Amino acid sequence: MTKMAEIKSQFTELNGHIADAIKNKDFSRALLLDKARQDILKDLCLMDPSTIDAGFFEFIEGCAKDNARLIQSVEDDMYDMTFRQSQTRKVQTAYMQR
């Protein structure tokens, strides 16, 4: 397996674990896994640029888009929970004022 193929494999595996952690609302695990992924990117910056093919950057961009979708999903869930909590508080307040 080439070095780039190995990095892609590690990156893909980490992305899968991060997605699972986010879906399970295990954000501390997601942060730890993201740190490992960032370390891979830092190591990549130290590599000889001629060993990095253009397809790898497209791969990284695809991963970033997937992560953005996951983050948006979490933000949407948080907005929905906040809205529901607000509605519940309003109902409770109205009930208590009777």
PDB file of N, CA and C in Angstrom:
ATOM      1  N   MET A   1       0.848  -1.176   0.000  1.00  0.00           N
ATOM      2  CA  MET A   1       0.000   0.000   0.000  1.00  0.00           C
ATOM      3  C   MET A   1       0.893   1.240   0.000  1.00  0.00           C
ATOM      4  N   THR A   2       0.606   2.188  -0.878  1.00  0.00           N
ATOM      5  CA  THR A   2       1.408   3.410  -0.934  1.00  0.00           C
ATOM      6  C   THR A   2       1.111   4.282   0.280  1.00  0.00           C
ATOM      7  N   LYS A   3       2.005   5.216   0.531  1.00  0.00           N
ATOM      8  CA  LYS A   3       1.848   6.130   1.667  1.00  0.00           C
ATOM      9  C   LYS A   3       0.541   6.919   1.541  1.00  0.00           C
ATOM     10  N   MET A   4       0.217   7.400   0.340  1.00  0.00           N
ATOM     11  CA  MET A   4      -1.012   8.179   0.144  1.00  0.00           C
ATOM     12  C   MET A   4      -2.238   7.295   0.346  1.00  0.00           C
ATOM     13  N   ALA A   5      -2.178   6.065  -0.122  1.00  0.00           N
ATOM     14  CA  ALA A   5      -3.305   5.139   0.066  1.00  0.00           C
ATOM     15  C   ALA A   5      -3.497   4.843   1.550  1.00  0.00           C
ATOM     16  N   GLU A   6      -2.409   4.725   2.267  1.00  0.00           N
ATOM     17  CA  GLU A   6      -2.482   4.474   3.704  1.00  0.00           C
ATOM     18  C   GLU A   6      -3.108   5.673   4.428  1.00  0.00           C
ATOM     19  N   ILE A   7      -2.694   6.864   4.042  1.00  0.00           N
ATOM     20  CA  ILE A   7      -3.246   8.082   4.657  1.00  0.00           C
ATOM     21  C   ILE A   7      -4.739   8.195   4.347  1.00  0.00           C
ATOM     22  N   LYS A   8      -5.119   7.931   3.103  1.00  0.00           N
ATOM     23  CA  LYS A   8      -6.542   7.976   2.737  1.00  0.00           C
ATOM     24  C   LYS A   8      -7.330   6.968   3.562  1.00  0.00           C
ATOM     25  N   SER A   9      -6.782   5.791   3.733  1.00  0.00           N
ATOM     26  CA  SER A   9      -7.451   4.751   4.508  1.00  0.00           C
ATOM     27  C   SER A   9      -7.629   5.186   5.959  1.00  0.00           C
ATOM     28  N   GLN A  10      -6.582   5.731   6.559  1.00  0.00           N
ATOM     29  CA  GLN A  10      -6.666   6.220   7.934  1.00  0.00           C
ATOM     30  C   GLN A  10      -7.687   7.349   8.052  1.00  0.00           C
ATOM     31  N   PHE A  11      -7.645   8.254   7.099  1.00  0.00           N
ATOM     32  CA  PHE A  11      -8.546   9.397   7.093  1.00  0.00           C
ATOM     33  C   PHE A  11      -9.999   8.930   6.971  1.00  0.00           C
ATOM     34  N   THR A  12     -10.241   7.993   6.072  1.00  0.00           N
ATOM     35  CA  THR A  12     -11.587   7.457   5.874  1.00  0.00           C
ATOM     36  C   THR A  12     -12.085   6.774   7.145  1.00  0.00           C
ATOM     37  N   GLU A  13     -11.215   5.995   7.765  1.00  0.00           N
ATOM     38  CA  GLU A  13     -11.586   5.303   8.998  1.00  0.00           C
ATOM     39  C   GLU A  13     -11.907   6.305  10.107  1.00  0.00           C
ATOM     40  N   LEU A  14     -11.070   7.324  10.251  1.00  0.00           N
ATOM     41  CA  LEU A  14     -11.329   8.347  11.261  1.00  0.00           C
ATOM     42  C   LEU A  14     -12.640   9.082  10.985  1.00  0.00           C
ATOM     43  N   ASN A  15     -12.880   9.410   9.723  1.00  0.00           N
ATOM     44  CA  ASN A  15     -14.135  10.096   9.387  1.00  0.00           C
ATOM     45  C   ASN A  15     -15.345   9.254   9.758  1.00  0.00           C
ATOM     46  N   GLY A  16     -15.266   7.953   9.516  1.00  0.00           N
ATOM     47  CA  GLY A  16     -16.363   7.062   9.887  1.00  0.00           C
ATOM     48  C   GLY A  16     -16.594   7.042  11.387  1.00  0.00           C
ATOM     49  N   HIS A  17     -15.496   6.975  12.145  1.00  0.00           N
ATOM     50  CA  HIS A  17     -15.616   6.974  13.603  1.00  0.00           C
ATOM     51  C   HIS A  17     -16.153   8.319  14.115  1.00  0.00           C
ATOM     52  N   ILE A  18     -15.709   9.414  13.491  1.00  0.00           N
ATOM     53  CA  ILE A  18     -16.205  10.735  13.883  1.00  0.00           C
ATOM     54  C   ILE A  18     -17.698  10.839  13.596  1.00  0.00           C
ATOM     55  N   ALA A  19     -18.111  10.370  12.434  1.00  0.00           N
ATOM     56  CA  ALA A  19     -19.538  10.409  12.076  1.00  0.00           C
ATOM     57  C   ALA A  19     -20.358   9.596  13.079  1.00  0.00           C
ATOM     58  N   ASP A  20     -19.861   8.424  13.451  1.00  0.00           N
ATOM     59  CA  ASP A  20     -20.568   7.598  14.429  1.00  0.00           C
ATOM     60  C   ASP A  20     -20.653   8.304  15.782  1.00  0.00           C
ATOM     61  N   ALA A  21     -19.544   8.915  16.196  1.00  0.00           N
ATOM     62  CA  ALA A  21     -19.532   9.617  17.487  1.00  0.00           C
ATOM     63  C   ALA A  21     -20.533  10.774  17.482  1.00  0.00           C
ATOM     64  N   ILE A  22     -20.585  11.505  16.383  1.00  0.00           N
ATOM     65  CA  ILE A  22     -21.525  12.623  16.286  1.00  0.00           C
ATOM     66  C   ILE A  22     -22.961  12.110  16.293  1.00  0.00           C
ATOM     67  N   LYS A  23     -23.223  11.059  15.550  1.00  0.00           N
ATOM     68  CA  LYS A  23     -24.580  10.490  15.527  1.00  0.00           C
ATOM     69  C   LYS A  23     -24.994  10.003  16.907  1.00  0.00           C
ATOM     70  N   ASN A  24     -24.023   9.507  17.685  1.00  0.00           N
ATOM     71  CA  ASN A  24     -24.298   9.022  19.038  1.00  0.00           C
ATOM     72  C   ASN A  24     -24.217  10.140  20.078  1.00  0.00           C
ATOM     73  N   LYS A  25     -24.009  11.368  19.613  1.00  0.00           N
ATOM     74  CA  LYS A  25     -23.904  12.547  20.476  1.00  0.00           C
ATOM     75  C   LYS A  25     -22.750  12.420  21.484  1.00  0.00           C
ATOM     76  N   ASP A  26     -21.698  11.717  21.084  1.00  0.00           N
ATOM     77  CA  ASP A  26     -20.496  11.560  21.899  1.00  0.00           C
ATOM     78  C   ASP A  26     -19.461  12.566  21.392  1.00  0.00           C
ATOM     79  N   PHE A  27     -19.680  13.821  21.755  1.00  0.00           N
ATOM     80  CA  PHE A  27     -18.875  14.900  21.190  1.00  0.00           C
ATOM     81  C   PHE A  27     -17.443  14.917  21.701  1.00  0.00           C
ATOM     82  N   SER A  28     -17.207  14.453  22.913  1.00  0.00           N
ATOM     83  CA  SER A  28     -15.825  14.406  23.406  1.00  0.00           C
ATOM     84  C   SER A  28     -15.015  13.398  22.584  1.00  0.00           C
ATOM     85  N   ARG A  29     -15.628  12.273  22.235  1.00  0.00           N
ATOM     86  CA  ARG A  29     -14.949  11.289  21.373  1.00  0.00           C
ATOM     87  C   ARG A  29     -14.718  11.865  19.984  1.00  0.00           C
ATOM     88  N   ALA A  30     -15.717  12.572  19.470  1.00  0.00           N
ATOM     89  CA  ALA A  30     -15.579  13.189  18.141  1.00  0.00           C
ATOM     90  C   ALA A  30     -14.415  14.179  18.129  1.00  0.00           C
ATOM     91  N   LEU A  31     -14.264  14.940  19.205  1.00  0.00           N
ATOM     92  CA  LEU A  31     -13.158  15.904  19.281  1.00  0.00           C
ATOM     93  C   LEU A  31     -11.803  15.205  19.316  1.00  0.00           C
ATOM     94  N   LEU A  32     -11.707  14.120  20.080  1.00  0.00           N
ATOM     95  CA  LEU A  32     -10.445  13.374  20.145  1.00  0.00           C
ATOM     96  C   LEU A  32     -10.082  12.784  18.778  1.00  0.00           C
ATOM     97  N   LEU A  33     -11.085  12.237  18.104  1.00  0.00           N
ATOM     98  CA  LEU A  33     -10.841  11.665  16.779  1.00  0.00           C
ATOM     99  C   LEU A  33     -10.467  12.754  15.780  1.00  0.00           C
ATOM    100  N   ASP A  34     -11.106  13.910  15.904  1.00  0.00           N
ATOM    101  CA  ASP A  34     -10.777  15.014  15.005  1.00  0.00           C
ATOM    102  C   ASP A  34      -9.346  15.485  15.236  1.00  0.00           C
ATOM    103  N   LYS A  35      -8.903  15.463  16.479  1.00  0.00           N
ATOM    104  CA  LYS A  35      -7.516  15.832  16.786  1.00  0.00           C
ATOM    105  C   LYS A  35      -6.552  14.880  16.074  1.00  0.00           C
ATOM    106  N   ALA A  36      -6.872  13.586  16.087  1.00  0.00           N
ATOM    107  CA  ALA A  36      -6.027  12.607  15.390  1.00  0.00           C
ATOM    108  C   ALA A  36      -6.020  12.892  13.891  1.00  0.00           C
ATOM    109  N   ARG A  37      -7.170  13.254  13.362  1.00  0.00           N
ATOM    110  CA  ARG A  37      -7.258  13.574  11.934  1.00  0.00           C
ATOM    111  C   ARG A  37      -6.442  14.822  11.615  1.00  0.00           C
ATOM    112  N   GLN A  38      -6.486  15.816  12.492  1.00  0.00           N
ATOM    113  CA  GLN A  38      -5.686  17.029  12.290  1.00  0.00           C
ATOM    114  C   GLN A  38      -4.197  16.714  12.324  1.00  0.00           C
ATOM    115  N   ASP A  39      -3.814  15.783  13.190  1.00  0.00           N
ATOM    116  CA  ASP A  39      -2.404  15.382  13.260  1.00  0.00           C
ATOM    117  C   ASP A  39      -1.953  14.752  11.938  1.00  0.00           C
ATOM    118  N   ILE A  40      -2.839  13.977  11.322  1.00  0.00           N
ATOM    119  CA  ILE A  40      -2.510  13.392  10.014  1.00  0.00           C
ATOM    120  C   ILE A  40      -2.281  14.507   8.999  1.00  0.00           C
ATOM    121  N   LEU A  41      -3.143  15.517   9.021  1.00  0.00           N
ATOM    122  CA  LEU A  41      -2.989  16.633   8.081  1.00  0.00           C
ATOM    123  C   LEU A  41      -1.698  17.393   8.335  1.00  0.00           C
ATOM    124  N   LYS A  42      -1.318  17.556   9.606  1.00  0.00           N
ATOM    125  CA  LYS A  42      -0.059  18.227   9.929  1.00  0.00           C
ATOM    126  C   LYS A  42       1.123  17.427   9.384  1.00  0.00           C
ATOM    127  N   ASP A  43       1.066  16.106   9.557  1.00  0.00           N
ATOM    128  CA  ASP A  43       2.127  15.245   9.024  1.00  0.00           C
ATOM    129  C   ASP A  43       2.184  15.349   7.503  1.00  0.00           C
ATOM    130  N   LEU A  44       1.031  15.456   6.898  1.00  0.00           N
ATOM    131  CA  LEU A  44       0.943  15.574   5.443  1.00  0.00           C
ATOM    132  C   LEU A  44       1.651  16.841   4.954  1.00  0.00           C
ATOM    133  N   CYS A  45       1.530  17.911   5.735  1.00  0.00           N
ATOM    134  CA  CYS A  45       2.180  19.176   5.359  1.00  0.00           C
ATOM    135  C   CYS A  45       3.704  19.058   5.359  1.00  0.00           C
ATOM    136  N   LEU A  46       4.231  18.106   6.098  1.00  0.00           N
ATOM    137  CA  LEU A  46       5.679  17.913   6.178  1.00  0.00           C
ATOM    138  C   LEU A  46       6.216  17.016   5.066  1.00  0.00           C
ATOM    139  N   MET A  47       5.297  16.392   4.328  1.00  0.00           N
ATOM    140  CA  MET A  47       5.712  15.492   3.251  1.00  0.00           C
ATOM    141  C   MET A  47       6.170  16.281   2.026  1.00  0.00           C
ATOM    142  N   ASP A  48       6.921  15.620   1.200  1.00  0.00           N
ATOM    143  CA  ASP A  48       7.355  16.191  -0.073  1.00  0.00           C
ATOM    144  C   ASP A  48       6.106  16.418  -0.936  1.00  0.00           C
ATOM    145  N   PRO A  49       5.856  17.676  -1.360  1.00  0.00           N
ATOM    146  CA  PRO A  49       4.655  17.985  -2.140  1.00  0.00           C
ATOM    147  C   PRO A  49       4.516  17.149  -3.416  1.00  0.00           C
ATOM    148  N   SER A  50       5.626  16.693  -3.957  1.00  0.00           N
ATOM    149  CA  SER A  50       5.544  15.920  -5.203  1.00  0.00           C
ATOM    150  C   SER A  50       4.951  14.524  -4.976  1.00  0.00           C
ATOM    151  N   THR A  51       4.893  14.089  -3.715  1.00  0.00           N
ATOM    152  CA  THR A  51       4.325  12.772  -3.428  1.00  0.00           C
ATOM    153  C   THR A  51       2.809  12.815  -3.221  1.00  0.00           C
ATOM    154  N   ILE A  52       2.253  14.024  -3.199  1.00  0.00           N
ATOM    155  CA  ILE A  52       0.820  14.194  -2.966  1.00  0.00           C
ATOM    156  C   ILE A  52       0.134  14.431  -4.303  1.00  0.00           C
ATOM    157  N   ASP A  53      -0.767  13.540  -4.669  1.00  0.00           N
ATOM    158  CA  ASP A  53      -1.452  13.694  -5.953  1.00  0.00           C
ATOM    159  C   ASP A  53      -2.671  14.614  -5.812  1.00  0.00           C
ATOM    160  N   ALA A  54      -3.093  15.169  -6.934  1.00  0.00           N
ATOM    161  CA  ALA A  54      -4.227  16.103  -6.939  1.00  0.00           C
ATOM    162  C   ALA A  54      -5.500  15.432  -6.439  1.00  0.00           C
ATOM    163  N   GLY A  55      -5.651  14.158  -6.712  1.00  0.00           N
ATOM    164  CA  GLY A  55      -6.830  13.428  -6.265  1.00  0.00           C
ATOM    165  C   GLY A  55      -6.957  13.397  -4.752  1.00  0.00           C
ATOM    166  N   PHE A  56      -5.824  13.482  -4.069  1.00  0.00           N
ATOM    167  CA  PHE A  56      -5.870  13.464  -2.611  1.00  0.00           C
ATOM    168  C   PHE A  56      -6.568  14.714  -2.081  1.00  0.00           C
ATOM    169  N   PHE A  57      -6.293  15.853  -2.693  1.00  0.00           N
ATOM    170  CA  PHE A  57      -6.935  17.091  -2.239  1.00  0.00           C
ATOM    171  C   PHE A  57      -8.440  17.063  -2.512  1.00  0.00           C
ATOM    172  N   GLU A  58      -8.831  16.431  -3.606  1.00  0.00           N
ATOM    173  CA  GLU A  58     -10.260  16.253  -3.879  1.00  0.00           C
ATOM    174  C   GLU A  58     -10.879  15.348  -2.819  1.00  0.00           C
ATOM    175  N   PHE A  59     -10.149  14.320  -2.436  1.00  0.00           N
ATOM    176  CA  PHE A  59     -10.603  13.413  -1.384  1.00  0.00           C
ATOM    177  C   PHE A  59     -10.808  14.175  -0.072  1.00  0.00           C
ATOM    178  N   ILE A  60      -9.817  14.993   0.304  1.00  0.00           N
ATOM    179  CA  ILE A  60      -9.899  15.786   1.538  1.00  0.00           C
ATOM    180  C   ILE A  60     -11.091  16.748   1.462  1.00  0.00           C
ATOM    181  N   GLU A  61     -11.290  17.362   0.318  1.00  0.00           N
ATOM    182  CA  GLU A  61     -12.421  18.279   0.145  1.00  0.00           C
ATOM    183  C   GLU A  61     -13.747  17.538   0.330  1.00  0.00           C
ATOM    184  N   GLY A  62     -13.852  16.344  -0.206  1.00  0.00           N
ATOM    185  CA  GLY A  62     -15.062  15.539  -0.025  1.00  0.00           C
ATOM    186  C   GLY A  62     -15.305  15.222   1.444  1.00  0.00           C
ATOM    187  N   CYS A  63     -14.239  14.906   2.161  1.00  0.00           N
ATOM    188  CA  CYS A  63     -14.353  14.653   3.604  1.00  0.00           C
ATOM    189  C   CYS A  63     -14.835  15.904   4.335  1.00  0.00           C
ATOM    190  N   ALA A  64     -14.296  17.052   3.941  1.00  0.00           N
ATOM    191  CA  ALA A  64     -14.705  18.313   4.577  1.00  0.00           C
ATOM    192  C   ALA A  64     -16.193  18.585   4.332  1.00  0.00           C
ATOM    193  N   LYS A  65     -16.669  18.293   3.133  1.00  0.00           N
ATOM    194  CA  LYS A  65     -18.086  18.493   2.838  1.00  0.00           C
ATOM    195  C   LYS A  65     -18.954  17.560   3.671  1.00  0.00           C
ATOM    196  N   ASP A  66     -18.531  16.315   3.807  1.00  0.00           N
ATOM    197  CA  ASP A  66     -19.266  15.366   4.649  1.00  0.00           C
ATOM    198  C   ASP A  66     -19.325  15.855   6.092  1.00  0.00           C
ATOM    199  N   ASN A  67     -18.199  16.355   6.586  1.00  0.00           N
ATOM    200  CA  ASN A  67     -18.156  16.863   7.954  1.00  0.00           C
ATOM    201  C   ASN A  67     -19.065  18.078   8.117  1.00  0.00           C
ATOM    202  N   ALA A  68     -19.077  18.935   7.117  1.00  0.00           N
ATOM    203  CA  ALA A  68     -19.942  20.121   7.178  1.00  0.00           C
ATOM    204  C   ALA A  68     -21.409  19.706   7.263  1.00  0.00           C
ATOM    205  N   ARG A  69     -21.773  18.668   6.512  1.00  0.00           N
ATOM    206  CA  ARG A  69     -23.158  18.174   6.576  1.00  0.00           C
ATOM    207  C   ARG A  69     -23.484  17.621   7.964  1.00  0.00           C
ATOM    208  N   LEU A  70     -22.543  16.894   8.547  1.00  0.00           N
ATOM    209  CA  LEU A  70     -22.757  16.363   9.898  1.00  0.00           C
ATOM    210  C   LEU A  70     -22.913  17.489  10.913  1.00  0.00           C
ATOM    211  N   ILE A  71     -22.060  18.477  10.807  1.00  0.00           N
ATOM    212  CA  ILE A  71     -22.124  19.617  11.724  1.00  0.00           C
ATOM    213  C   ILE A  71     -23.451  20.350  11.562  1.00  0.00           C
ATOM    214  N   GLN A  72     -23.891  20.532  10.326  1.00  0.00           N
ATOM    215  CA  GLN A  72     -25.172  21.192  10.081  1.00  0.00           C
ATOM    216  C   GLN A  72     -26.314  20.393  10.693  1.00  0.00           C
ATOM    217  N   SER A  73     -26.235  19.081  10.597  1.00  0.00           N
ATOM    218  CA  SER A  73     -27.254  18.210  11.176  1.00  0.00           C
ATOM    219  C   SER A  73     -27.308  18.383  12.694  1.00  0.00           C
ATOM    220  N   VAL A  74     -26.147  18.427  13.336  1.00  0.00           N
ATOM    221  CA  VAL A  74     -26.092  18.620  14.784  1.00  0.00           C
ATOM    222  C   VAL A  74     -26.648  19.996  15.143  1.00  0.00           C
ATOM    223  N   GLU A  75     -26.276  21.015  14.389  1.00  0.00           N
ATOM    224  CA  GLU A  75     -26.785  22.359  14.660  1.00  0.00           C
ATOM    225  C   GLU A  75     -28.300  22.413  14.490  1.00  0.00           C
ATOM    226  N   ASP A  76     -28.823  21.738  13.481  1.00  0.00           N
ATOM    227  CA  ASP A  76     -30.275  21.693  13.279  1.00  0.00           C
ATOM    228  C   ASP A  76     -30.957  21.001  14.461  1.00  0.00           C
ATOM    229  N   ASP A  77     -30.362  19.895  14.930  1.00  0.00           N
ATOM    230  CA  ASP A  77     -30.914  19.193  16.094  1.00  0.00           C
ATOM    231  C   ASP A  77     -30.908  20.095  17.325  1.00  0.00           C
ATOM    232  N   MET A  78     -29.807  20.824  17.508  1.00  0.00           N
ATOM    233  CA  MET A  78     -29.714  21.721  18.662  1.00  0.00           C
ATOM    234  C   MET A  78     -30.765  22.833  18.570  1.00  0.00           C
ATOM    235  N   TYR A  79     -30.972  23.359  17.389  1.00  0.00           N
ATOM    236  CA  TYR A  79     -31.986  24.400  17.197  1.00  0.00           C
ATOM    237  C   TYR A  79     -33.374  23.846  17.536  1.00  0.00           C
ATOM    238  N   ASP A  80     -33.669  22.644  17.043  1.00  0.00           N
ATOM    239  CA  ASP A  80     -34.967  22.023  17.318  1.00  0.00           C
ATOM    240  C   ASP A  80     -35.161  21.802  18.820  1.00  0.00           C
ATOM    241  N   MET A  81     -34.124  21.319  19.507  1.00  0.00           N
ATOM    242  CA  MET A  81     -34.232  21.087  20.953  1.00  0.00           C
ATOM    243  C   MET A  81     -34.451  22.408  21.694  1.00  0.00           C
ATOM    244  N   THR A  82     -33.724  23.435  21.291  1.00  0.00           N
ATOM    245  CA  THR A  82     -33.874  24.740  21.922  1.00  0.00           C
ATOM    246  C   THR A  82     -35.281  25.278  21.703  1.00  0.00           C
ATOM    247  N   PHE A  83     -35.794  25.134  20.502  1.00  0.00           N
ATOM    248  CA  PHE A  83     -37.148  25.595  20.199  1.00  0.00           C
ATOM    249  C   PHE A  83     -38.167  24.845  21.058  1.00  0.00           C
ATOM    250  N   ARG A  84     -38.034  23.526  21.144  1.00  0.00           N
ATOM    251  CA  ARG A  84     -38.974  22.731  21.940  1.00  0.00           C
ATOM    252  C   ARG A  84     -38.895  23.105  23.413  1.00  0.00           C
ATOM    253  N   GLN A  85     -37.682  23.329  23.918  1.00  0.00           N
ATOM    254  CA  GLN A  85     -37.531  23.730  25.315  1.00  0.00           C
ATOM    255  C   GLN A  85     -38.190  25.080  25.559  1.00  0.00           C
ATOM    256  N   SER A  86     -38.036  25.977  24.618  1.00  0.00           N
ATOM    257  CA  SER A  86     -38.650  27.297  24.734  1.00  0.00           C
ATOM    258  C   SER A  86     -40.169  27.180  24.767  1.00  0.00           C
ATOM    259  N   GLN A  87     -40.704  26.344  23.900  1.00  0.00           N
ATOM    260  CA  GLN A  87     -42.158  26.141  23.863  1.00  0.00           C
ATOM    261  C   GLN A  87     -42.639  25.522  25.175  1.00  0.00           C
ATOM    262  N   THR A  88     -41.881  24.573  25.698  1.00  0.00           N
ATOM    263  CA  THR A  88     -42.251  23.930  26.957  1.00  0.00           C
ATOM    264  C   THR A  88     -42.240  24.945  28.097  1.00  0.00           C
ATOM    265  N   ARG A  89     -41.228  25.802  28.132  1.00  0.00           N
ATOM    266  CA  ARG A  89     -41.157  26.836  29.169  1.00  0.00           C
ATOM    267  C   ARG A  89     -42.350  27.783  29.087  1.00  0.00           C
ATOM    268  N   LYS A  90     -42.715  28.149  27.868  1.00  0.00           N
ATOM    269  CA  LYS A  90     -43.867  29.045  27.695  1.00  0.00           C
ATOM    270  C   LYS A  90     -45.141  28.397  28.225  1.00  0.00           C
ATOM    271  N   VAL A  91     -45.315  27.138  27.927  1.00  0.00           N
ATOM    272  CA  VAL A  91     -46.505  26.423  28.401  1.00  0.00           C
ATOM    273  C   VAL A  91     -46.485  26.334  29.926  1.00  0.00           C
ATOM    274  N   GLN A  92     -45.325  26.006  30.491  1.00  0.00           N
ATOM    275  CA  GLN A  92     -45.217  25.906  31.947  1.00  0.00           C
ATOM    276  C   GLN A  92     -45.481  27.250  32.615  1.00  0.00           C
ATOM    277  N   THR A  93     -44.924  28.312  32.057  1.00  0.00           N
ATOM    278  CA  THR A  93     -45.142  29.649  32.599  1.00  0.00           C
ATOM    279  C   THR A  93     -46.607  30.031  32.535  1.00  0.00           C
ATOM    280  N   ALA A  94     -47.236  29.763  31.406  1.00  0.00           N
ATOM    281  CA  ALA A  94     -48.660  30.079  31.259  1.00  0.00           C
ATOM    282  C   ALA A  94     -49.496  29.274  32.263  1.00  0.00           C
ATOM    283  N   TYR A  95     -49.134  28.035  32.495  1.00  0.00           N
ATOM    284  CA  TYR A  95     -49.867  27.179  33.426  1.00  0.00           C
ATOM    285  C   TYR A  95     -49.719  27.697  34.860  1.00  0.00           C
ATOM    286  N   MET A  96     -48.478  28.089  35.201  1.00  0.00           N
ATOM    287  CA  MET A  96     -48.204  28.578  36.566  1.00  0.00           C
ATOM    288  C   MET A  96     -48.897  29.911  36.839  1.00  0.00           C
ATOM    289  N   GLN A  97     -49.149  30.700  35.813  1.00  0.00           N
ATOM    290  CA  GLN A  97     -49.762  32.016  36.000  1.00  0.00           C
ATOM    291  C   GLN A  97     -51.272  31.928  36.126  1.00  0.00           C
ATOM    292  N   ARG A  98     -51.832  30.772  35.945  1.00  0.00           N
ATOM    293  CA  ARG A  98     -53.296  30.616  36.055  1.00  0.00           C
ATOM    294  C   ARG A  98     -53.772  30.827  37.431  1.00  0.00           C
TER     295      ARG A  98
END
